[in-house]
Structure formats: C-alpha cells, structure tokens
Amino acid sequence: MADCTHDCSTCSSNCSSRDKASFVKPLHEGASVKKTIAVASGKGGVGKSLVTSLLAVRAMARGYRTAILDADITGPSIPKAFGAKLRATGDEGVIYPVRTMSGLQLMSMNSLLEHDDDPVVWRGTLIAGAAVQFWTDVLWEDVDIMFIDMPPGTGDVPLSVFQSIPLSGIIVVTTPQDLVETIVKKAVNMAKLMNVPVLGLVENMSYFTCPDCGKRHEIFGKSKAQELAAAYGIPAVARMPIDPGLARLVDEGHIMQADTDALAEVFLSVEKAREIGDFSGE
C-alpha cells in the first residue's frame, strides 16, 4: 500500500484509521430519508438508469414515498424517463426536489441546467461534490426509499457517494457477456471495501422473446446471473429482457406505465434492507 497521506477523502483503502461514520454527511434541516439504495455497475451502458427508474416505479406502486438522487452528473437521464420537465427551485441555501405527477421526488443535474443538452464540463472533484450536495442541500420530504443512480466505475463520484451517504445497500447491474464477471466483481469488491451490503444482481438485456414465434433468444450469450450471484453471495437475482416497448416508454417519459414484475425478487431484497438510522436534518 502507498504511504498514507492522512487525507482519507482521496483514498479508498479500508484501513484501521478509517471511521466511515466521520465522513457521512447530514441531510438538510427538515429533510428525512429512511432507506438509501445505490444502483451501480463496474462499467457504463448496462442500464443502471433504467433499473433505477423501474425500482422506483415498483416502490411507488407498493405505496412507498419514493425519491431518486441522480448521481450521474455528466450523463443524467432520470428526468426524461419520468417526463419531468420542471426545473428545481430553491431559496436561502436549500434546493427543493422536482416532483413528478406520480409523486416521485427527484434531483438531477438536468433539473438545474437551463437546457437539457447543456454539457457539464467539470473536473472530477466538482462532479463528486455536486452529487453529495444532492444529498445535503435538497429538502427531501419524508422519503421511505431513495434510489441513487450511480455513474459507472469506481472513481470520484462513486467513492464520494459511498463515503458521504449512509447506504442501506446496493443493486449491481450487468449484462450477459464474457466480461460480466469482471464488472460484477469490481462493484461487489467496492461495496465490500466500503462495508455496504449487495442486495441484488440485475442482468439487463438478458434475453429477447421473438414476437412472432415466442421463442426466447439469449442474444448476448448464456445467462451468468444465477451463477455469479451464488459465487458472490448475492441474495436476489433478476433477468430483464430486451424490450423495445420499454425503450419507447423511457423515450416518451412514460416509465410509470412499465411492467416491473421482472424485478420482484430484487425489490423484495430492497424491502428487507436496513433503514439508515436517524440521519434526518438536525
């Protein structure tokens, strides 16, 4: 291990001097969140935002007060999926989350930009700081379950989220390709390093059902989801199909109409996850 710089905020080593609780940031005064679930992966393009959105849809259908913190600062897509075109507002050091017609609370960088296609051209530390501010500066109101849409990889933003936000657990998203084991292992090992439980594994684009003959085709190769879950002790597994209809709902901002039955087992694991304790604003 490299010599210690005594600056734990720049280091992911799980050494004896690290006290995770000392890095956790409080919510804004008056805010309240009971449970936080990060949706993560070791690489991009696997469908984290889709899985985040569908889990939120299922949570709302089951009566939970639900929120999404979009931590993918440079590639935000959550507002579009829910058809949320309003901009976030705020005053005197507090930001109010955008509320969709369905009652979802969300905060995303696209909710702050003047135009949806404005790029966020920032360095890593600023991006990570913005993601954490979505936790500390937003007046989240009586949230039962918050889903955090993570950017890919294990860099500045994921590290800052893992250190600064008390997490109930993570959901790992992957696809059925040969490199899948490396993707899962990176995400699982980071969670283990930060002492956060892995609640479920979602294999997106797992298969395609032919609309003509009804036969199921594993276009990207044989599923490895159950095998990997068993190998890494992940308690719940979901296989999501390639579904053009689902893609259309996202593009049209109608994700609330999506069928979430494929995620039933994983969501059950979310329901069983621990609450984060008393992190409501002081």
C-alpha atoms as a PDB file:
ATOM      1  CA  MET A   1       0.000   0.000   0.000  1.00  0.00           C
ATOM      2  CA  ALA A   2       1.239   3.518  -0.796  1.00  0.00           C
ATOM      3  CA  ASP A   3       2.358   5.808   2.031  1.00  0.00           C
ATOM      4  CA  CYS A   4      -0.602   7.340   3.884  1.00  0.00           C
ATOM      5  CA  THR A   5      -1.320  10.979   3.011  1.00  0.00           C
ATOM      6  CA  HIS A   6      -3.672  11.334   6.001  1.00  0.00           C
ATOM      7  CA  ASP A   7      -6.345  12.605   3.618  1.00  0.00           C
ATOM      8  CA  CYS A   8      -8.982   9.851   3.723  1.00  0.00           C
ATOM      9  CA  SER A   9     -11.248  11.691   1.296  1.00  0.00           C
ATOM     10  CA  THR A  10      -8.811  10.857  -1.525  1.00  0.00           C
ATOM     11  CA  CYS A  11      -8.288   7.230  -0.535  1.00  0.00           C
ATOM     12  CA  SER A  12     -10.385   4.062  -0.843  1.00  0.00           C
ATOM     13  CA  SER A  13      -8.234   1.881   1.436  1.00  0.00           C
ATOM     14  CA  ASN A  14     -10.172   0.270   4.277  1.00  0.00           C
ATOM     15  CA  CYS A  15      -7.501   0.811   6.914  1.00  0.00           C
ATOM     16  CA  SER A  16      -7.940   0.740  10.682  1.00  0.00           C
ATOM     17  CA  SER A  17      -7.791   4.527  10.932  1.00  0.00           C
ATOM     18  CA  ARG A  18     -10.822   4.962   8.734  1.00  0.00           C
ATOM     19  CA  ASP A  19     -14.085   5.702  10.543  1.00  0.00           C
ATOM     20  CA  LYS A  20     -16.808   5.713   7.915  1.00  0.00           C
ATOM     21  CA  ALA A  21     -19.265   7.454  10.205  1.00  0.00           C
ATOM     22  CA  SER A  22     -16.994  10.500  10.333  1.00  0.00           C
ATOM     23  CA  PHE A  23     -17.426  11.027   6.558  1.00  0.00           C
ATOM     24  CA  VAL A  24     -21.213  10.707   6.448  1.00  0.00           C
ATOM     25  CA  LYS A  25     -22.906  13.997   5.612  1.00  0.00           C
ATOM     26  CA  PRO A  26     -26.158  15.061   7.292  1.00  0.00           C
ATOM     27  CA  LEU A  27     -29.331  15.783   5.393  1.00  0.00           C
ATOM     28  CA  HIS A  28     -30.624  19.318   5.196  1.00  0.00           C
ATOM     29  CA  GLU A  29     -32.590  20.515   8.198  1.00  0.00           C
ATOM     30  CA  GLY A  30     -36.128  19.220   7.880  1.00  0.00           C
ATOM     31  CA  ALA A  31     -35.293  16.524   5.340  1.00  0.00           C
ATOM     32  CA  SER A  32     -35.923  12.844   6.061  1.00  0.00           C
ATOM     33  CA  VAL A  33     -34.865   9.661   4.247  1.00  0.00           C
ATOM     34  CA  LYS A  34     -35.333   6.199   5.766  1.00  0.00           C
ATOM     35  CA  LYS A  35     -33.587   3.924   3.277  1.00  0.00           C
ATOM     36  CA  THR A  36     -30.994   4.523   0.529  1.00  0.00           C
ATOM     37  CA  ILE A  37     -30.279   2.071  -2.294  1.00  0.00           C
ATOM     38  CA  ALA A  38     -27.457   2.735  -4.767  1.00  0.00           C
ATOM     39  CA  VAL A  39     -27.759   1.216  -8.241  1.00  0.00           C
ATOM     40  CA  ALA A  40     -24.229   0.608  -9.510  1.00  0.00           C
ATOM     41  CA  SER A  41     -22.049  -1.192 -12.039  1.00  0.00           C
ATOM     42  CA  GLY A  42     -18.402  -1.636 -12.892  1.00  0.00           C
ATOM     43  CA  LYS A  43     -18.968  -0.185 -16.379  1.00  0.00           C
ATOM     44  CA  GLY A  44     -21.320   2.029 -18.345  1.00  0.00           C
ATOM     45  CA  GLY A  45     -24.044   1.191 -20.816  1.00  0.00           C
ATOM     46  CA  VAL A  46     -25.607  -1.662 -18.843  1.00  0.00           C
ATOM     47  CA  GLY A  47     -28.858   0.082 -17.923  1.00  0.00           C
ATOM     48  CA  LYS A  48     -28.393   1.454 -14.404  1.00  0.00           C
ATOM     49  CA  SER A  49     -30.743   4.379 -15.014  1.00  0.00           C
ATOM     50  CA  LEU A  50     -33.403   2.050 -16.394  1.00  0.00           C
ATOM     51  CA  VAL A  51     -33.129  -0.281 -13.398  1.00  0.00           C
ATOM     52  CA  THR A  52     -33.167   2.690 -11.006  1.00  0.00           C
ATOM     53  CA  SER A  53     -36.314   4.020 -12.651  1.00  0.00           C
ATOM     54  CA  LEU A  54     -38.088   0.656 -12.631  1.00  0.00           C
ATOM     55  CA  LEU A  55     -37.259   0.032  -8.979  1.00  0.00           C
ATOM     56  CA  ALA A  56     -38.681   3.462  -8.146  1.00  0.00           C
ATOM     57  CA  VAL A  57     -41.837   2.690 -10.139  1.00  0.00           C
ATOM     58  CA  ARG A  58     -42.283  -0.573  -8.225  1.00  0.00           C
ATOM     59  CA  ALA A  59     -41.695   1.174  -4.903  1.00  0.00           C
ATOM     60  CA  MET A  60     -44.362   3.764  -5.647  1.00  0.00           C
ATOM     61  CA  ALA A  61     -46.796   1.069  -6.784  1.00  0.00           C
ATOM     62  CA  ARG A  62     -46.343  -0.574  -3.381  1.00  0.00           C
ATOM     63  CA  GLY A  63     -47.139   2.661  -1.576  1.00  0.00           C
ATOM     64  CA  TYR A  64     -43.665   3.831  -0.580  1.00  0.00           C
ATOM     65  CA  ARG A  65     -42.796   7.533  -0.656  1.00  0.00           C
ATOM     66  CA  THR A  66     -40.003   7.338  -3.179  1.00  0.00           C
ATOM     67  CA  ALA A  67     -37.136   9.509  -4.409  1.00  0.00           C
ATOM     68  CA  ILE A  68     -34.317   9.283  -6.941  1.00  0.00           C
ATOM     69  CA  LEU A  69     -30.992  11.032  -6.485  1.00  0.00           C
ATOM     70  CA  ASP A  70     -29.388  11.125  -9.923  1.00  0.00           C
ATOM     71  CA  ALA A  71     -25.666  10.981  -9.127  1.00  0.00           C
ATOM     72  CA  ASP A  72     -24.701  10.614 -12.791  1.00  0.00           C
ATOM     73  CA  ILE A  73     -23.876  14.316 -13.025  1.00  0.00           C
ATOM     74  CA  THR A  74     -22.461  14.365 -16.561  1.00  0.00           C
ATOM     75  CA  GLY A  75     -24.933  11.898 -18.067  1.00  0.00           C
ATOM     76  CA  PRO A  76     -28.270  12.440 -16.309  1.00  0.00           C
ATOM     77  CA  SER A  77     -31.265  10.636 -17.778  1.00  0.00           C
ATOM     78  CA  ILE A  78     -33.766  10.138 -14.951  1.00  0.00           C
ATOM     79  CA  PRO A  79     -35.896  13.262 -15.647  1.00  0.00           C
ATOM     80  CA  LYS A  80     -36.525  12.185 -19.240  1.00  0.00           C
ATOM     81  CA  ALA A  81     -37.682   8.710 -18.220  1.00  0.00           C
ATOM     82  CA  PHE A  82     -40.325  10.234 -15.934  1.00  0.00           C
ATOM     83  CA  GLY A  83     -41.254  13.084 -18.261  1.00  0.00           C
ATOM     84  CA  ALA A  84     -40.072  15.590 -15.631  1.00  0.00           C
ATOM     85  CA  LYS A  85     -39.514  18.890 -17.446  1.00  0.00           C
ATOM     86  CA  LEU A  86     -39.758  21.251 -14.485  1.00  0.00           C
ATOM     87  CA  ARG A  87     -36.600  22.837 -13.099  1.00  0.00           C
ATOM     88  CA  ALA A  88     -35.631  22.555  -9.449  1.00  0.00           C
ATOM     89  CA  THR A  89     -36.123  25.649  -7.313  1.00  0.00           C
ATOM     90  CA  GLY A  90     -34.601  26.811  -4.070  1.00  0.00           C
ATOM     91  CA  ASP A  91     -34.031  29.628  -1.621  1.00  0.00           C
ATOM     92  CA  GLU A  92     -31.731  30.512   1.268  1.00  0.00           C
ATOM     93  CA  GLY A  93     -29.389  27.550   0.924  1.00  0.00           C
ATOM     94  CA  VAL A  94     -31.982  24.853   0.227  1.00  0.00           C
ATOM     95  CA  ILE A  95     -32.957  23.118  -3.011  1.00  0.00           C
ATOM     96  CA  TYR A  96     -36.435  21.689  -3.466  1.00  0.00           C
ATOM     97  CA  PRO A  97     -36.629  18.393  -5.361  1.00  0.00           C
ATOM     98  CA  VAL A  98     -38.638  18.156  -8.550  1.00  0.00           C
ATOM     99  CA  ARG A  99     -41.911  16.299  -8.052  1.00  0.00           C
ATOM    100  CA  THR A 100     -43.381  14.284 -10.889  1.00  0.00           C
ATOM    101  CA  MET A 101     -47.116  13.910 -11.465  1.00  0.00           C
ATOM    102  CA  SER A 102     -46.883  10.449  -9.900  1.00  0.00           C
ATOM    103  CA  GLY A 103     -45.428  11.884  -6.680  1.00  0.00           C
ATOM    104  CA  LEU A 104     -41.781  10.870  -7.168  1.00  0.00           C
ATOM    105  CA  GLN A 105     -39.216  13.258  -5.721  1.00  0.00           C
ATOM    106  CA  LEU A 106     -36.088  13.584  -7.838  1.00  0.00           C
ATOM    107  CA  MET A 107     -32.957  15.648  -8.133  1.00  0.00           C
ATOM    108  CA  SER A 108     -30.787  15.563 -11.222  1.00  0.00           C
ATOM    109  CA  MET A 109     -28.271  17.885 -12.822  1.00  0.00           C
ATOM    110  CA  ASN A 110     -30.687  18.218 -15.754  1.00  0.00           C
ATOM    111  CA  SER A 111     -33.180  19.704 -13.291  1.00  0.00           C
ATOM    112  CA  LEU A 112     -30.755  22.576 -12.733  1.00  0.00           C
ATOM    113  CA  LEU A 113     -29.500  23.239 -16.271  1.00  0.00           C
ATOM    114  CA  GLU A 114     -31.153  25.858 -18.463  1.00  0.00           C
ATOM    115  CA  HIS A 115     -31.286  23.406 -21.381  1.00  0.00           C
ATOM    116  CA  ASP A 116     -31.311  19.597 -21.264  1.00  0.00           C
ATOM    117  CA  ASP A 117     -28.460  19.380 -23.775  1.00  0.00           C
ATOM    118  CA  ASP A 118     -26.137  21.773 -21.919  1.00  0.00           C
ATOM    119  CA  PRO A 119     -22.928  19.841 -21.119  1.00  0.00           C
ATOM    120  CA  VAL A 120     -21.445  19.677 -17.631  1.00  0.00           C
ATOM    121  CA  VAL A 121     -17.750  20.249 -18.307  1.00  0.00           C
ATOM    122  CA  TRP A 122     -16.323  19.914 -14.819  1.00  0.00           C
ATOM    123  CA  ARG A 123     -13.394  18.172 -13.215  1.00  0.00           C
ATOM    124  CA  GLY A 124     -13.919  15.104 -11.039  1.00  0.00           C
ATOM    125  CA  THR A 125     -13.865  16.796  -7.637  1.00  0.00           C
ATOM    126  CA  LEU A 126     -16.569  19.274  -8.649  1.00  0.00           C
ATOM    127  CA  ILE A 127     -18.721  16.492 -10.076  1.00  0.00           C
ATOM    128  CA  ALA A 128     -18.353  14.442  -6.901  1.00  0.00           C
ATOM    129  CA  GLY A 129     -19.184  17.486  -4.787  1.00  0.00           C
ATOM    130  CA  ALA A 130     -22.373  18.115  -6.760  1.00  0.00           C
ATOM    131  CA  ALA A 131     -23.545  14.528  -6.227  1.00  0.00           C
ATOM    132  CA  VAL A 132     -23.060  14.856  -2.468  1.00  0.00           C
ATOM    133  CA  GLN A 133     -24.852  18.233  -2.447  1.00  0.00           C
ATOM    134  CA  PHE A 134     -27.906  16.489  -3.872  1.00  0.00           C
ATOM    135  CA  TRP A 135     -27.935  14.665  -0.525  1.00  0.00           C
ATOM    136  CA  THR A 136     -27.041  17.529   1.827  1.00  0.00           C
ATOM    137  CA  ASP A 137     -28.717  20.551   0.221  1.00  0.00           C
ATOM    138  CA  VAL A 138     -32.024  19.124  -1.016  1.00  0.00           C
ATOM    139  CA  LEU A 139     -35.128  19.182   1.168  1.00  0.00           C
ATOM    140  CA  TRP A 140     -36.153  15.547   0.721  1.00  0.00           C
ATOM    141  CA  GLU A 141     -39.605  15.184   2.282  1.00  0.00           C
ATOM    142  CA  ASP A 142     -40.469  12.040   4.270  1.00  0.00           C
ATOM    143  CA  VAL A 143     -38.804   9.614   1.849  1.00  0.00           C
ATOM    144  CA  ASP A 144     -39.254   5.906   2.587  1.00  0.00           C
ATOM    145  CA  ILE A 145     -36.870   4.665  -0.122  1.00  0.00           C
ATOM    146  CA  MET A 146     -34.328   6.706  -2.081  1.00  0.00           C
ATOM    147  CA  PHE A 147     -32.670   5.149  -5.125  1.00  0.00           C
ATOM    148  CA  ILE A 148     -29.316   6.600  -6.166  1.00  0.00           C
ATOM    149  CA  ASP A 149     -28.483   6.296  -9.865  1.00  0.00           C
ATOM    150  CA  MET A 150     -24.696   5.945  -9.840  1.00  0.00           C
ATOM    151  CA  PRO A 151     -22.265   6.779 -12.636  1.00  0.00           C
ATOM    152  CA  PRO A 152     -20.213   3.824 -13.917  1.00  0.00           C
ATOM    153  CA  GLY A 153     -16.969   2.647 -12.405  1.00  0.00           C
ATOM    154  CA  THR A 154     -15.278   3.208  -9.054  1.00  0.00           C
ATOM    155  CA  GLY A 155     -13.971   6.763  -9.379  1.00  0.00           C
ATOM    156  CA  ASP A 156     -14.573  10.094  -7.641  1.00  0.00           C
ATOM    157  CA  VAL A 157     -18.372  10.123  -7.625  1.00  0.00           C
ATOM    158  CA  PRO A 158     -18.990   6.517  -6.506  1.00  0.00           C
ATOM    159  CA  LEU A 159     -16.339   6.880  -3.804  1.00  0.00           C
ATOM    160  CA  SER A 160     -17.847  10.152  -2.565  1.00  0.00           C
ATOM    161  CA  VAL A 161     -21.360   8.675  -2.526  1.00  0.00           C
ATOM    162  CA  PHE A 162     -20.218   5.557  -0.653  1.00  0.00           C
ATOM    163  CA  GLN A 163     -18.365   7.680   1.914  1.00  0.00           C
ATOM    164  CA  SER A 164     -20.781  10.584   2.325  1.00  0.00           C
ATOM    165  CA  ILE A 165     -24.230   8.976   2.129  1.00  0.00           C
ATOM    166  CA  PRO A 166     -25.321   6.254   4.573  1.00  0.00           C
ATOM    167  CA  LEU A 167     -26.305   3.395   2.258  1.00  0.00           C
ATOM    168  CA  SER A 168     -28.723   0.588   3.070  1.00  0.00           C
ATOM    169  CA  GLY A 169     -27.234  -1.447   0.231  1.00  0.00           C
ATOM    170  CA  ILE A 170     -26.518  -1.569  -3.487  1.00  0.00           C
ATOM    171  CA  ILE A 171     -28.020  -3.248  -6.532  1.00  0.00           C
ATOM    172  CA  VAL A 172     -25.450  -4.335  -9.137  1.00  0.00           C
ATOM    173  CA  VAL A 173     -26.461  -4.110 -12.808  1.00  0.00           C
ATOM    174  CA  THR A 174     -24.730  -6.077 -15.538  1.00  0.00           C
ATOM    175  CA  THR A 175     -25.265  -7.765 -18.921  1.00  0.00           C
ATOM    176  CA  PRO A 176     -24.757 -11.394 -20.067  1.00  0.00           C
ATOM    177  CA  GLN A 177     -21.354 -11.054 -21.753  1.00  0.00           C
ATOM    178  CA  ASP A 178     -17.995 -12.685 -21.148  1.00  0.00           C
ATOM    179  CA  LEU A 179     -16.642  -9.611 -19.365  1.00  0.00           C
ATOM    180  CA  VAL A 180     -19.576  -9.672 -16.951  1.00  0.00           C
ATOM    181  CA  GLU A 181     -17.691 -11.357 -14.119  1.00  0.00           C
ATOM    182  CA  THR A 182     -15.122  -8.566 -14.007  1.00  0.00           C
ATOM    183  CA  ILE A 183     -17.913  -5.958 -13.959  1.00  0.00           C
ATOM    184  CA  VAL A 184     -19.704  -7.646 -11.079  1.00  0.00           C
ATOM    185  CA  LYS A 185     -16.507  -8.291  -9.159  1.00  0.00           C
ATOM    186  CA  LYS A 186     -15.458  -4.612  -9.307  1.00  0.00           C
ATOM    187  CA  ALA A 187     -18.811  -3.416  -7.972  1.00  0.00           C
ATOM    188  CA  VAL A 188     -19.046  -6.113  -5.310  1.00  0.00           C
ATOM    189  CA  ASN A 189     -15.486  -5.547  -4.125  1.00  0.00           C
ATOM    190  CA  MET A 190     -16.034  -1.804  -3.834  1.00  0.00           C
ATOM    191  CA  ALA A 191     -19.179  -2.408  -1.797  1.00  0.00           C
ATOM    192  CA  LYS A 192     -17.269  -4.831   0.428  1.00  0.00           C
ATOM    193  CA  LEU A 193     -14.454  -2.305   0.840  1.00  0.00           C
ATOM    194  CA  MET A 194     -16.964   0.306   1.996  1.00  0.00           C
ATOM    195  CA  ASN A 195     -18.919  -2.151   4.193  1.00  0.00           C
ATOM    196  CA  VAL A 196     -22.132  -1.839   2.183  1.00  0.00           C
ATOM    197  CA  PRO A 197     -24.257  -4.964   1.536  1.00  0.00           C
ATOM    198  CA  VAL A 198     -25.014  -6.074  -2.029  1.00  0.00           C
ATOM    199  CA  LEU A 199     -28.769  -6.675  -2.110  1.00  0.00           C
ATOM    200  CA  GLY A 200     -29.282  -7.938  -5.639  1.00  0.00           C
ATOM    201  CA  LEU A 201     -27.936  -8.552  -9.131  1.00  0.00           C
ATOM    202  CA  VAL A 202     -29.866  -7.415 -12.200  1.00  0.00           C
ATOM    203  CA  GLU A 203     -28.844  -8.888 -15.550  1.00  0.00           C
ATOM    204  CA  ASN A 204     -30.164  -6.439 -18.130  1.00  0.00           C
ATOM    205  CA  MET A 205     -30.623  -7.361 -21.821  1.00  0.00           C
ATOM    206  CA  SER A 206     -30.617 -10.966 -20.644  1.00  0.00           C
ATOM    207  CA  TYR A 207     -32.750 -12.316 -23.492  1.00  0.00           C
ATOM    208  CA  PHE A 208     -35.179 -11.396 -26.257  1.00  0.00           C
ATOM    209  CA  THR A 209     -38.542 -13.033 -26.822  1.00  0.00           C
ATOM    210  CA  CYS A 210     -39.464 -13.225 -30.504  1.00  0.00           C
ATOM    211  CA  PRO A 211     -42.855 -11.560 -31.043  1.00  0.00           C
ATOM    212  CA  ASP A 212     -43.658 -13.986 -33.894  1.00  0.00           C
ATOM    213  CA  CYS A 213     -42.756 -17.418 -32.552  1.00  0.00           C
ATOM    214  CA  GLY A 214     -42.497 -16.666 -28.826  1.00  0.00           C
ATOM    215  CA  LYS A 215     -39.080 -18.322 -28.579  1.00  0.00           C
ATOM    216  CA  ARG A 216     -36.582 -16.850 -26.127  1.00  0.00           C
ATOM    217  CA  HIS A 217     -33.159 -15.954 -27.578  1.00  0.00           C
ATOM    218  CA  GLU A 218     -30.091 -15.148 -25.459  1.00  0.00           C
ATOM    219  CA  ILE A 219     -28.595 -12.681 -27.920  1.00  0.00           C
ATOM    220  CA  PHE A 220     -25.583 -11.665 -25.814  1.00  0.00           C
ATOM    221  CA  GLY A 221     -24.778 -15.157 -24.615  1.00  0.00           C
ATOM    222  CA  LYS A 222     -25.890 -17.571 -21.957  1.00  0.00           C
ATOM    223  CA  SER A 223     -27.041 -16.006 -18.701  1.00  0.00           C
ATOM    224  CA  LYS A 224     -24.487 -15.973 -15.889  1.00  0.00           C
ATOM    225  CA  ALA A 225     -26.685 -14.206 -13.335  1.00  0.00           C
ATOM    226  CA  GLN A 226     -27.536 -17.099 -11.014  1.00  0.00           C
ATOM    227  CA  GLU A 227     -24.009 -18.470 -11.157  1.00  0.00           C
ATOM    228  CA  LEU A 228     -22.451 -15.106 -10.288  1.00  0.00           C
ATOM    229  CA  ALA A 229     -24.948 -14.396  -7.534  1.00  0.00           C
ATOM    230  CA  ALA A 230     -24.143 -17.720  -5.922  1.00  0.00           C
ATOM    231  CA  ALA A 231     -20.392 -17.144  -6.265  1.00  0.00           C
ATOM    232  CA  TYR A 232     -20.507 -13.720  -4.605  1.00  0.00           C
ATOM    233  CA  GLY A 233     -23.247 -14.373  -2.071  1.00  0.00           C
ATOM    234  CA  ILE A 234     -25.775 -12.007  -3.645  1.00  0.00           C
ATOM    235  CA  PRO A 235     -29.223 -12.863  -2.263  1.00  0.00           C
ATOM    236  CA  ALA A 236     -31.521 -11.799  -5.135  1.00  0.00           C
ATOM    237  CA  VAL A 237     -31.349 -12.032  -8.929  1.00  0.00           C
ATOM    238  CA  ALA A 238     -33.393 -10.525 -11.764  1.00  0.00           C
ATOM    239  CA  ARG A 239     -33.166 -11.104 -15.515  1.00  0.00           C
ATOM    240  CA  MET A 240     -34.527  -8.274 -17.641  1.00  0.00           C
ATOM    241  CA  PRO A 241     -35.304  -8.851 -21.333  1.00  0.00           C
ATOM    242  CA  ILE A 242     -34.520  -6.672 -24.328  1.00  0.00           C
ATOM    243  CA  ASP A 243     -37.858  -4.909 -24.694  1.00  0.00           C
ATOM    244  CA  PRO A 244     -38.440  -2.301 -27.437  1.00  0.00           C
ATOM    245  CA  GLY A 245     -41.692  -1.350 -25.729  1.00  0.00           C
ATOM    246  CA  LEU A 246     -39.852  -0.469 -22.545  1.00  0.00           C
ATOM    247  CA  ALA A 247     -37.363   1.635 -24.502  1.00  0.00           C
ATOM    248  CA  ARG A 248     -40.285   3.503 -26.053  1.00  0.00           C
ATOM    249  CA  LEU A 249     -41.789   4.245 -22.635  1.00  0.00           C
ATOM    250  CA  VAL A 250     -38.477   5.728 -21.494  1.00  0.00           C
ATOM    251  CA  ASP A 251     -38.163   7.871 -24.629  1.00  0.00           C
ATOM    252  CA  GLU A 252     -41.718   9.147 -24.187  1.00  0.00           C
ATOM    253  CA  GLY A 253     -41.293   9.864 -20.475  1.00  0.00           C
ATOM    254  CA  HIS A 254     -43.885   7.251 -19.502  1.00  0.00           C
ATOM    255  CA  ILE A 255     -41.766   4.863 -17.436  1.00  0.00           C
ATOM    256  CA  MET A 256     -44.542   4.805 -14.813  1.00  0.00           C
ATOM    257  CA  GLN A 257     -46.503   2.548 -17.194  1.00  0.00           C
ATOM    258  CA  ALA A 258     -43.754  -0.113 -17.271  1.00  0.00           C
ATOM    259  CA  ASP A 259     -44.181  -3.672 -16.046  1.00  0.00           C
ATOM    260  CA  THR A 260     -41.771  -4.217 -13.145  1.00  0.00           C
ATOM    261  CA  ASP A 261     -42.507  -7.873 -12.383  1.00  0.00           C
ATOM    262  CA  ALA A 262     -39.025  -8.936 -13.558  1.00  0.00           C
ATOM    263  CA  LEU A 263     -37.573  -7.040 -10.586  1.00  0.00           C
ATOM    264  CA  ALA A 264     -39.896  -8.572  -7.978  1.00  0.00           C
ATOM    265  CA  GLU A 265     -37.237 -10.686  -6.240  1.00  0.00           C
ATOM    266  CA  VAL A 266     -34.685  -7.882  -6.167  1.00  0.00           C
ATOM    267  CA  PHE A 267     -37.236  -5.424  -4.838  1.00  0.00           C
ATOM    268  CA  LEU A 268     -38.114  -7.836  -2.053  1.00  0.00           C
ATOM    269  CA  SER A 269     -34.448  -7.658  -1.031  1.00  0.00           C
ATOM    270  CA  VAL A 270     -34.720  -3.849  -1.067  1.00  0.00           C
ATOM    271  CA  GLU A 271     -37.739  -4.020   1.249  1.00  0.00           C
ATOM    272  CA  LYS A 272     -35.763  -6.171   3.674  1.00  0.00           C
ATOM    273  CA  ALA A 273     -32.730  -3.851   3.681  1.00  0.00           C
ATOM    274  CA  ARG A 274     -31.951  -1.976   6.864  1.00  0.00           C
ATOM    275  CA  GLU A 275     -33.011   1.603   7.395  1.00  0.00           C
ATOM    276  CA  ILE A 276     -30.109   4.014   7.630  1.00  0.00           C
ATOM    277  CA  GLY A 277     -30.939   5.302  11.091  1.00  0.00           C
ATOM    278  CA  ASP A 278     -31.504   8.840  12.259  1.00  0.00           C
ATOM    279  CA  PHE A 279     -29.935  10.927   9.509  1.00  0.00           C
ATOM    280  CA  SER A 280     -32.809  13.404   9.282  1.00  0.00           C
ATOM    281  CA  GLY A 281     -31.750  17.032   9.336  1.00  0.00           C
ATOM    282  CA  GLU A 282     -30.937  18.493  12.729  1.00  0.00           C
END
